[in-house]
């Protein structure tokens, strides 16, 4: 249940950062 969380993920290999937020049960902001 991640509706109240901002998901953070950093990929060292790709040197990229991802932020995600679940808007609807099937739709996520990336």
ModelCIF file with pLDDT and N, C-alpha, C, O atoms, coordinates in Angstrom:
data_MODEL
#
_entry.id   MODEL 
#
_entity.id                         1 
_entity.type                       polymer 
_entity.pdbx_number_of_molecules   1 
#
_entity_poly.entity_id                      1 
_entity_poly.type                           'polypeptide(L)' 
_entity_poly.nstd_linkage                   no 
_entity_poly.nstd_monomer                   no 
_entity_poly.pdbx_seq_one_letter_code       
;(UNK)(UNK)(UNK)(UNK)(UNK)(UNK)(UNK)(UNK)(UNK)(UNK)(UNK)(UNK)(UNK)(UNK)(UNK)(UNK)
(UNK)(UNK)(UNK)(UNK)(UNK)(UNK)(UNK)(UNK)(UNK)(UNK)(UNK)(UNK)(UNK)(UNK)
;
_entity_poly.pdbx_seq_one_letter_code_can   XXXXXXXXXXXXXXXXXXXXXXXXXXXXXX 
_entity_poly.pdbx_strand_id                 A 
#
loop_
_entity_poly_seq.entity_id 
_entity_poly_seq.num 
_entity_poly_seq.mon_id 
_entity_poly_seq.hetero 
1 1  UNK n 
1 2  UNK n 
1 3  UNK n 
1 4  UNK n 
1 5  UNK n 
1 6  UNK n 
1 7  UNK n 
1 8  UNK n 
1 9  UNK n 
1 10 UNK n 
1 11 UNK n 
1 12 UNK n 
1 13 UNK n 
1 14 UNK n 
1 15 UNK n 
1 16 UNK n 
1 17 UNK n 
1 18 UNK n 
1 19 UNK n 
1 20 UNK n 
1 21 UNK n 
1 22 UNK n 
1 23 UNK n 
1 24 UNK n 
1 25 UNK n 
1 26 UNK n 
1 27 UNK n 
1 28 UNK n 
1 29 UNK n 
1 30 UNK n 
#
_struct_asym.id          A 
_struct_asym.entity_id   1 
#
loop_
_ma_qa_metric.id 
_ma_qa_metric.mode 
_ma_qa_metric.name 
_ma_qa_metric.software_group_id 
_ma_qa_metric.type 
1 global pLDDT . pLDDT 
2 local  pLDDT . pLDDT 
#
_ma_qa_metric_global.metric_id      1 
_ma_qa_metric_global.metric_value   91.97 
_ma_qa_metric_global.model_id       1 
_ma_qa_metric_global.ordinal_id     1 
#
loop_
_ma_qa_metric_local.label_asym_id 
_ma_qa_metric_local.label_comp_id 
_ma_qa_metric_local.label_seq_id 
_ma_qa_metric_local.metric_id 
_ma_qa_metric_local.metric_value 
_ma_qa_metric_local.model_id 
_ma_qa_metric_local.ordinal_id 
A UNK 1  2 69.00 1 1  
A UNK 2  2 72.00 1 2  
A UNK 3  2 77.00 1 3  
A UNK 4  2 79.00 1 4  
A UNK 5  2 89.00 1 5  
A UNK 6  2 93.00 1 6  
A UNK 7  2 94.00 1 7  
A UNK 8  2 95.00 1 8  
A UNK 9  2 95.00 1 9  
A UNK 10 2 96.00 1 10 
A UNK 11 2 95.00 1 11 
A UNK 12 2 94.00 1 12 
A UNK 13 2 93.00 1 13 
A UNK 14 2 93.00 1 14 
A UNK 15 2 95.00 1 15 
A UNK 16 2 96.00 1 16 
A UNK 17 2 97.00 1 17 
A UNK 18 2 97.00 1 18 
A UNK 19 2 97.00 1 19 
A UNK 20 2 96.00 1 20 
A UNK 21 2 95.00 1 21 
A UNK 22 2 94.00 1 22 
A UNK 23 2 95.00 1 23 
A UNK 24 2 93.00 1 24 
A UNK 25 2 92.00 1 25 
A UNK 26 2 93.00 1 26 
A UNK 27 2 95.00 1 27 
A UNK 28 2 96.00 1 28 
A UNK 29 2 97.00 1 29 
A UNK 30 2 97.00 1 30 
#
loop_
_atom_site.group_PDB 
_atom_site.id 
_atom_site.type_symbol 
_atom_site.label_atom_id 
_atom_site.label_alt_id 
_atom_site.label_comp_id 
_atom_site.label_asym_id 
_atom_site.label_entity_id 
_atom_site.label_seq_id 
_atom_site.pdbx_PDB_ins_code 
_atom_site.Cartn_x 
_atom_site.Cartn_y 
_atom_site.Cartn_z 
_atom_site.occupancy 
_atom_site.B_iso_or_equiv 
_atom_site.pdbx_formal_charge 
_atom_site.auth_seq_id 
_atom_site.auth_comp_id 
_atom_site.auth_asym_id 
_atom_site.auth_atom_id 
_atom_site.pdbx_PDB_model_num 
ATOM 1   N N  . UNK A 1 1  ? 0.863  -1.178 0.000   1.00 69.00 ? 1  UNK A N  1 
ATOM 2   C CA . UNK A 1 1  ? 0.000  0.000  0.000   1.00 69.00 ? 1  UNK A CA 1 
ATOM 3   C C  . UNK A 1 1  ? 0.898  1.227  0.000   1.00 69.00 ? 1  UNK A C  1 
ATOM 4   O O  . UNK A 1 1  ? 1.284  1.728  1.056   1.00 69.00 ? 1  UNK A O  1 
ATOM 5   N N  . UNK A 1 2  ? 1.226  1.703  -1.192  1.00 72.00 ? 2  UNK A N  1 
ATOM 6   C CA . UNK A 1 2  ? 2.215  2.787  -1.323  1.00 72.00 ? 2  UNK A CA 1 
ATOM 7   C C  . UNK A 1 2  ? 1.593  4.125  -1.706  1.00 72.00 ? 2  UNK A C  1 
ATOM 8   O O  . UNK A 1 2  ? 2.290  5.004  -2.213  1.00 72.00 ? 2  UNK A O  1 
ATOM 9   N N  . UNK A 1 3  ? 0.280  4.295  -1.471  1.00 77.00 ? 3  UNK A N  1 
ATOM 10  C CA . UNK A 1 3  ? -0.373 5.532  -1.881  1.00 77.00 ? 3  UNK A CA 1 
ATOM 11  C C  . UNK A 1 3  ? 0.133  6.748  -1.099  1.00 77.00 ? 3  UNK A C  1 
ATOM 12  O O  . UNK A 1 3  ? 0.057  7.875  -1.588  1.00 77.00 ? 3  UNK A O  1 
ATOM 13  N N  . UNK A 1 4  ? 0.638  6.525  0.092   1.00 79.00 ? 4  UNK A N  1 
ATOM 14  C CA . UNK A 1 4  ? 1.097  7.648  0.907   1.00 79.00 ? 4  UNK A CA 1 
ATOM 15  C C  . UNK A 1 4  ? 2.613  7.811  0.873   1.00 79.00 ? 4  UNK A C  1 
ATOM 16  O O  . UNK A 1 4  ? 3.174  8.572  1.661   1.00 79.00 ? 4  UNK A O  1 
ATOM 17  N N  . UNK A 1 5  ? 3.278  7.101  -0.038  1.00 89.00 ? 5  UNK A N  1 
ATOM 18  C CA . UNK A 1 5  ? 4.736  7.130  -0.083  1.00 89.00 ? 5  UNK A CA 1 
ATOM 19  C C  . UNK A 1 5  ? 5.242  7.617  -1.440  1.00 89.00 ? 5  UNK A C  1 
ATOM 20  O O  . UNK A 1 5  ? 4.621  7.389  -2.478  1.00 89.00 ? 5  UNK A O  1 
ATOM 21  N N  . UNK A 1 6  ? 6.384  8.290  -1.397  1.00 93.00 ? 6  UNK A N  1 
ATOM 22  C CA . UNK A 1 6  ? 7.111  8.605  -2.619  1.00 93.00 ? 6  UNK A CA 1 
ATOM 23  C C  . UNK A 1 6  ? 8.233  7.575  -2.703  1.00 93.00 ? 6  UNK A C  1 
ATOM 24  O O  . UNK A 1 6  ? 9.166  7.595  -1.900  1.00 93.00 ? 6  UNK A O  1 
ATOM 25  N N  . UNK A 1 7  ? 8.137  6.682  -3.674  1.00 94.00 ? 7  UNK A N  1 
ATOM 26  C CA . UNK A 1 7  ? 9.118  5.597  -3.815  1.00 94.00 ? 7  UNK A CA 1 
ATOM 27  C C  . UNK A 1 7  ? 10.386 6.147  -4.474  1.00 94.00 ? 7  UNK A C  1 
ATOM 28  O O  . UNK A 1 7  ? 10.329 6.845  -5.486  1.00 94.00 ? 7  UNK A O  1 
ATOM 29  N N  . UNK A 1 8  ? 11.514 5.819  -3.880  1.00 95.00 ? 8  UNK A N  1 
ATOM 30  C CA . UNK A 1 8  ? 12.811 6.293  -4.379  1.00 95.00 ? 8  UNK A CA 1 
ATOM 31  C C  . UNK A 1 8  ? 13.675 5.090  -4.749  1.00 95.00 ? 8  UNK A C  1 
ATOM 32  O O  . UNK A 1 8  ? 13.737 4.104  -4.014  1.00 95.00 ? 8  UNK A O  1 
ATOM 33  N N  . UNK A 1 9  ? 14.341 5.189  -5.901  1.00 95.00 ? 9  UNK A N  1 
ATOM 34  C CA . UNK A 1 9  ? 15.241 4.101  -6.316  1.00 95.00 ? 9  UNK A CA 1 
ATOM 35  C C  . UNK A 1 9  ? 16.390 4.696  -7.142  1.00 95.00 ? 9  UNK A C  1 
ATOM 36  O O  . UNK A 1 9  ? 16.170 5.444  -8.094  1.00 95.00 ? 9  UNK A O  1 
ATOM 37  N N  . UNK A 1 10 ? 17.613 4.344  -6.753  1.00 96.00 ? 10 UNK A N  1 
ATOM 38  C CA . UNK A 1 10 ? 18.782 4.806  -7.516  1.00 96.00 ? 10 UNK A CA 1 
ATOM 39  C C  . UNK A 1 10 ? 19.504 3.606  -8.094  1.00 96.00 ? 10 UNK A C  1 
ATOM 40  O O  . UNK A 1 10 ? 19.849 2.674  -7.366  1.00 96.00 ? 10 UNK A O  1 
ATOM 41  N N  . UNK A 1 11 ? 19.737 3.622  -9.407  1.00 95.00 ? 11 UNK A N  1 
ATOM 42  C CA . UNK A 1 11 ? 20.438 2.542  -10.110 1.00 95.00 ? 11 UNK A CA 1 
ATOM 43  C C  . UNK A 1 11 ? 21.868 3.003  -10.394 1.00 95.00 ? 11 UNK A C  1 
ATOM 44  O O  . UNK A 1 11 ? 22.099 3.864  -11.243 1.00 95.00 ? 11 UNK A O  1 
ATOM 45  N N  . UNK A 1 12 ? 22.826 2.414  -9.666  1.00 94.00 ? 12 UNK A N  1 
ATOM 46  C CA . UNK A 1 12 ? 24.226 2.814  -9.839  1.00 94.00 ? 12 UNK A CA 1 
ATOM 47  C C  . UNK A 1 12 ? 24.745 2.513  -11.237 1.00 94.00 ? 12 UNK A C  1 
ATOM 48  O O  . UNK A 1 12 ? 25.517 3.281  -11.811 1.00 94.00 ? 12 UNK A O  1 
ATOM 49  N N  . UNK A 1 13 ? 24.302 1.367  -11.778 1.00 93.00 ? 13 UNK A N  1 
ATOM 50  C CA . UNK A 1 13 ? 24.791 0.961  -13.090 1.00 93.00 ? 13 UNK A CA 1 
ATOM 51  C C  . UNK A 1 13 ? 24.389 1.960  -14.166 1.00 93.00 ? 13 UNK A C  1 
ATOM 52  O O  . UNK A 1 13 ? 25.196 2.307  -15.029 1.00 93.00 ? 13 UNK A O  1 
ATOM 53  N N  . UNK A 1 14 ? 23.145 2.422  -14.117 1.00 93.00 ? 14 UNK A N  1 
ATOM 54  C CA . UNK A 1 14 ? 22.647 3.365  -15.122 1.00 93.00 ? 14 UNK A CA 1 
ATOM 55  C C  . UNK A 1 14 ? 22.818 4.816  -14.682 1.00 93.00 ? 14 UNK A C  1 
ATOM 56  O O  . UNK A 1 14 ? 22.524 5.749  -15.430 1.00 93.00 ? 14 UNK A O  1 
ATOM 57  N N  . UNK A 1 15 ? 23.307 4.985  -13.433 1.00 95.00 ? 15 UNK A N  1 
ATOM 58  C CA . UNK A 1 15 ? 23.481 6.343  -12.911 1.00 95.00 ? 15 UNK A CA 1 
ATOM 59  C C  . UNK A 1 15 ? 22.170 7.141  -13.063 1.00 95.00 ? 15 UNK A C  1 
ATOM 60  O O  . UNK A 1 15 ? 22.162 8.293  -13.497 1.00 95.00 ? 15 UNK A O  1 
ATOM 61  N N  . UNK A 1 16 ? 21.084 6.485  -12.693 1.00 96.00 ? 16 UNK A N  1 
ATOM 62  C CA . UNK A 1 16 ? 19.754 7.106  -12.852 1.00 96.00 ? 16 UNK A CA 1 
ATOM 63  C C  . UNK A 1 16 ? 18.946 6.991  -11.556 1.00 96.00 ? 16 UNK A C  1 
ATOM 64  O O  . UNK A 1 16 ? 19.077 6.030  -10.798 1.00 96.00 ? 16 UNK A O  1 
ATOM 65  N N  . UNK A 1 17 ? 18.114 7.999  -11.333 1.00 97.00 ? 17 UNK A N  1 
ATOM 66  C CA . UNK A 1 17 ? 17.269 8.040  -10.141 1.00 97.00 ? 17 UNK A CA 1 
ATOM 67  C C  . UNK A 1 17 ? 15.799 7.996  -10.559 1.00 97.00 ? 17 UNK A C  1 
ATOM 68  O O  . UNK A 1 17 ? 15.395 8.637  -11.530 1.00 97.00 ? 17 UNK A O  1 
ATOM 69  N N  . UNK A 1 18 ? 15.011 7.230  -9.811  1.00 97.00 ? 18 UNK A N  1 
ATOM 70  C CA . UNK A 1 18 ? 13.583 7.091  -10.112 1.00 97.00 ? 18 UNK A CA 1 
ATOM 71  C C  . UNK A 1 18 ? 12.758 7.500  -8.880  1.00 97.00 ? 18 UNK A C  1 
ATOM 72  O O  . UNK A 1 18 ? 13.027 7.068  -7.759  1.00 97.00 ? 18 UNK A O  1 
ATOM 73  N N  . UNK A 1 19 ? 11.762 8.333  -9.122  1.00 97.00 ? 19 UNK A N  1 
ATOM 74  C CA . UNK A 1 19 ? 10.776 8.678  -8.097  1.00 97.00 ? 19 UNK A CA 1 
ATOM 75  C C  . UNK A 1 19 ? 9.415  8.201  -8.591  1.00 97.00 ? 19 UNK A C  1 
ATOM 76  O O  . UNK A 1 19 ? 9.060  8.420  -9.749  1.00 97.00 ? 19 UNK A O  1 
ATOM 77  N N  . UNK A 1 20 ? 8.656  7.552  -7.718  1.00 96.00 ? 20 UNK A N  1 
ATOM 78  C CA . UNK A 1 20 ? 7.344  7.050  -8.121  1.00 96.00 ? 20 UNK A CA 1 
ATOM 79  C C  . UNK A 1 20 ? 6.293  7.347  -7.064  1.00 96.00 ? 20 UNK A C  1 
ATOM 80  O O  . UNK A 1 20 ? 6.584  7.434  -5.871  1.00 96.00 ? 20 UNK A O  1 
ATOM 81  N N  . UNK A 1 21 ? 5.066  7.500  -7.540  1.00 95.00 ? 21 UNK A N  1 
ATOM 82  C CA . UNK A 1 21 ? 3.926  7.705  -6.635  1.00 95.00 ? 21 UNK A CA 1 
ATOM 83  C C  . UNK A 1 21 ? 2.703  7.032  -7.255  1.00 95.00 ? 21 UNK A C  1 
ATOM 84  O O  . UNK A 1 21 ? 2.384  7.252  -8.423  1.00 95.00 ? 21 UNK A O  1 
ATOM 85  N N  . UNK A 1 22 ? 2.041  6.229  -6.472  1.00 94.00 ? 22 UNK A N  1 
ATOM 86  C CA . UNK A 1 22 ? 0.867  5.500  -6.966  1.00 94.00 ? 22 UNK A CA 1 
ATOM 87  C C  . UNK A 1 22 ? -0.357 6.404  -6.919  1.00 94.00 ? 22 UNK A C  1 
ATOM 88  O O  . UNK A 1 22 ? -0.784 6.831  -5.847  1.00 94.00 ? 22 UNK A O  1 
ATOM 89  N N  . UNK A 1 23 ? -0.913 6.691  -8.085  1.00 95.00 ? 23 UNK A N  1 
ATOM 90  C CA . UNK A 1 23 ? -2.065 7.581  -8.179  1.00 95.00 ? 23 UNK A CA 1 
ATOM 91  C C  . UNK A 1 23 ? -3.365 6.807  -7.987  1.00 95.00 ? 23 UNK A C  1 
ATOM 92  O O  . UNK A 1 23 ? -4.183 7.128  -7.125  1.00 95.00 ? 23 UNK A O  1 
ATOM 93  N N  . UNK A 1 24 ? -3.530 5.786  -8.811  1.00 93.00 ? 24 UNK A N  1 
ATOM 94  C CA . UNK A 1 24 ? -4.685 4.890  -8.747  1.00 93.00 ? 24 UNK A CA 1 
ATOM 95  C C  . UNK A 1 24 ? -4.132 3.481  -8.524  1.00 93.00 ? 24 UNK A C  1 
ATOM 96  O O  . UNK A 1 24 ? -2.923 3.272  -8.632  1.00 93.00 ? 24 UNK A O  1 
ATOM 97  N N  . UNK A 1 25 ? -4.990 2.522  -8.217  1.00 92.00 ? 25 UNK A N  1 
ATOM 98  C CA . UNK A 1 25 ? -4.492 1.146  -8.074  1.00 92.00 ? 25 UNK A CA 1 
ATOM 99  C C  . UNK A 1 25 ? -3.704 0.673  -9.286  1.00 92.00 ? 25 UNK A C  1 
ATOM 100 O O  . UNK A 1 25 ? -2.800 -0.151 -9.146  1.00 92.00 ? 25 UNK A O  1 
ATOM 101 N N  . UNK A 1 26 ? -4.032 1.187  -10.490 1.00 93.00 ? 26 UNK A N  1 
ATOM 102 C CA . UNK A 1 26 ? -3.341 0.726  -11.709 1.00 93.00 ? 26 UNK A CA 1 
ATOM 103 C C  . UNK A 1 26 ? -2.514 1.809  -12.402 1.00 93.00 ? 26 UNK A C  1 
ATOM 104 O O  . UNK A 1 26 ? -1.916 1.541  -13.444 1.00 93.00 ? 26 UNK A O  1 
ATOM 105 N N  . UNK A 1 27 ? -2.465 2.999  -11.863 1.00 95.00 ? 27 UNK A N  1 
ATOM 106 C CA . UNK A 1 27 ? -1.728 4.090  -12.514 1.00 95.00 ? 27 UNK A CA 1 
ATOM 107 C C  . UNK A 1 27 ? -0.700 4.681  -11.556 1.00 95.00 ? 27 UNK A C  1 
ATOM 108 O O  . UNK A 1 27 ? -1.019 5.033  -10.420 1.00 95.00 ? 27 UNK A O  1 
ATOM 109 N N  . UNK A 1 28 ? 0.540  4.785  -12.033 1.00 96.00 ? 28 UNK A N  1 
ATOM 110 C CA . UNK A 1 28 ? 1.654  5.268  -11.214 1.00 96.00 ? 28 UNK A CA 1 
ATOM 111 C C  . UNK A 1 28 ? 2.376  6.422  -11.907 1.00 96.00 ? 28 UNK A C  1 
ATOM 112 O O  . UNK A 1 28 ? 2.652  6.366  -13.105 1.00 96.00 ? 28 UNK A O  1 
ATOM 113 N N  . UNK A 1 29 ? 2.671  7.452  -11.149 1.00 97.00 ? 29 UNK A N  1 
ATOM 114 C CA . UNK A 1 29 ? 3.464  8.584  -11.643 1.00 97.00 ? 29 UNK A CA 1 
ATOM 115 C C  . UNK A 1 29 ? 4.942  8.226  -11.508 1.00 97.00 ? 29 UNK A C  1 
ATOM 116 O O  . UNK A 1 29 ? 5.392  7.815  -10.439 1.00 97.00 ? 29 UNK A O  1 
ATOM 117 N N  . UNK A 1 30 ? 5.697  8.386  -12.601 1.00 97.00 ? 30 UNK A N  1 
ATOM 118 C CA . UNK A 1 30 ? 7.119  8.023  -12.618 1.00 97.00 ? 30 UNK A CA 1 
ATOM 119 C C  . UNK A 1 30 ? 7.954  9.202  -13.097 1.00 97.00 ? 30 UNK A C  1 
ATOM 120 O O  . UNK A 1 30 ? 9.178  9.099  -13.182 1.00 97.00 ? 30 UNK A O  1 
#
